[in-house]
Amino acid sequence: MNDISPATEGWAGLVNARKWHYFRGARSLCGKWAYLGTAMEQGNDDSPDNCAACRTALAGERQSPTATVSDPPADAGTKGEAK
């Protein structure tokens, strides 16, 4: 993996997790893990060692910088309505 430095956001490998997870603050983007350390890796987002759910959430955020992980899709609630 790339540069590991003190940060509040980045990839971290936990001893009891099979994959690396992306943390923002103390919570992983997949919502399954908490991490209180500060050694997080920046970059290397496409590694096969990374959690697929964290990778997907991060890619979605980077494609739409104004959207957050909890934002519903733009067409939510319009299913079945005439266009």
Protein backbone atom coordinates (compact mmCIF):
# COMPACT_ATOMS: atom_id res chain seq x y z
CA MET A 1 0.00 0.00 0.00
CA ASN A 2 1.08 3.63 -0.42
CA ASP A 3 1.81 6.42 2.06
CA ILE A 4 0.73 5.74 5.66
CA SER A 5 0.51 8.90 7.76
CA PRO A 6 -1.57 10.38 10.60
CA ALA A 7 -4.92 11.34 9.10
CA THR A 8 -8.64 11.56 9.81
CA GLU A 9 -9.56 9.82 6.56
CA GLY A 10 -8.11 6.93 4.57
CA TRP A 11 -7.63 3.16 4.30
CA ALA A 12 -6.69 1.13 7.39
CA GLY A 13 -6.10 -2.58 7.84
CA LEU A 14 -7.49 -4.00 11.07
CA VAL A 15 -6.11 -7.14 12.70
CA ASN A 16 -9.52 -8.85 12.88
CA ALA A 17 -10.75 -7.80 9.40
CA ARG A 18 -9.94 -9.69 6.19
CA LYS A 19 -9.99 -6.52 4.06
CA TRP A 20 -8.80 -2.93 4.42
CA HIS A 21 -11.60 -0.44 5.10
CA TYR A 22 -11.92 3.27 4.31
CA PHE A 23 -12.44 5.33 7.45
CA ARG A 24 -13.70 8.86 7.81
CA GLY A 25 -13.37 9.87 11.42
CA ALA A 26 -13.81 6.69 13.43
CA ARG A 27 -16.35 4.92 11.16
CA SER A 28 -15.81 2.92 7.97
CA LEU A 29 -17.80 3.90 4.88
CA CYS A 30 -19.38 0.42 4.82
CA GLY A 31 -20.59 1.05 8.39
CA LYS A 32 -19.29 -2.27 9.75
CA TRP A 33 -16.10 -1.15 11.50
CA ALA A 34 -14.81 1.49 13.90
CA TYR A 35 -11.16 2.58 14.13
CA LEU A 36 -9.60 4.84 16.73
CA GLY A 37 -6.09 4.88 15.28
CA THR A 38 -4.55 7.61 13.15
CA ALA A 39 -2.36 5.60 10.75
CA MET A 40 -4.39 5.60 7.54
CA GLU A 41 -3.20 5.09 3.99
CA GLN A 42 -3.98 7.63 1.29
CA GLY A 43 -4.49 6.43 -2.29
CA ASN A 44 -4.45 2.87 -3.65
CA ASP A 45 -8.26 2.94 -3.82
CA ASP A 46 -8.50 0.08 -6.34
CA SER A 47 -6.56 -2.54 -4.39
CA PRO A 48 -8.17 -6.00 -4.29
CA ASP A 49 -7.36 -5.99 -0.56
CA ASN A 50 -9.92 -3.20 0.03
CA CYS A 51 -13.51 -3.71 1.15
CA ALA A 52 -15.82 -3.65 -1.90
CA ALA A 53 -18.55 -1.69 -0.08
CA CYS A 54 -16.07 0.99 1.07
CA ARG A 55 -14.57 1.18 -2.43
CA THR A 56 -18.01 1.60 -4.02
CA ALA A 57 -19.08 4.29 -1.54
CA LEU A 58 -15.83 6.18 -2.03
CA ALA A 59 -16.08 6.00 -5.83
CA GLY A 60 -19.66 7.28 -5.68
CA GLU A 61 -18.60 10.23 -3.55
CA ARG A 62 -15.75 11.11 -5.89
CA GLN A 63 -18.00 11.02 -8.96
CA SER A 64 -20.54 13.34 -7.34
CA PRO A 65 -18.69 15.68 -4.95
CA THR A 66 -21.92 17.28 -3.68
CA ALA A 67 -23.58 13.96 -2.76
CA THR A 68 -22.92 12.06 0.45
CA VAL A 69 -23.16 8.32 1.08
CA SER A 70 -26.58 8.71 2.77
CA ASP A 71 -28.17 10.80 -0.03
CA PRO A 72 -30.91 8.94 -1.95
CA PRO A 73 -30.60 8.66 -5.74
CA ALA A 74 -32.03 11.57 -7.73
CA ASP A 75 -34.92 9.43 -9.07
CA ALA A 76 -35.92 7.96 -5.67
CA GLY A 77 -39.63 8.14 -5.07
CA THR A 78 -40.54 8.59 -8.74
CA LYS A 79 -40.90 4.91 -9.57
CA GLY A 80 -44.15 4.17 -11.35
CA GLU A 81 -44.99 7.83 -12.00
CA ALA A 82 -45.53 9.13 -15.52
CA LYS A 83 -42.63 11.10 -16.93
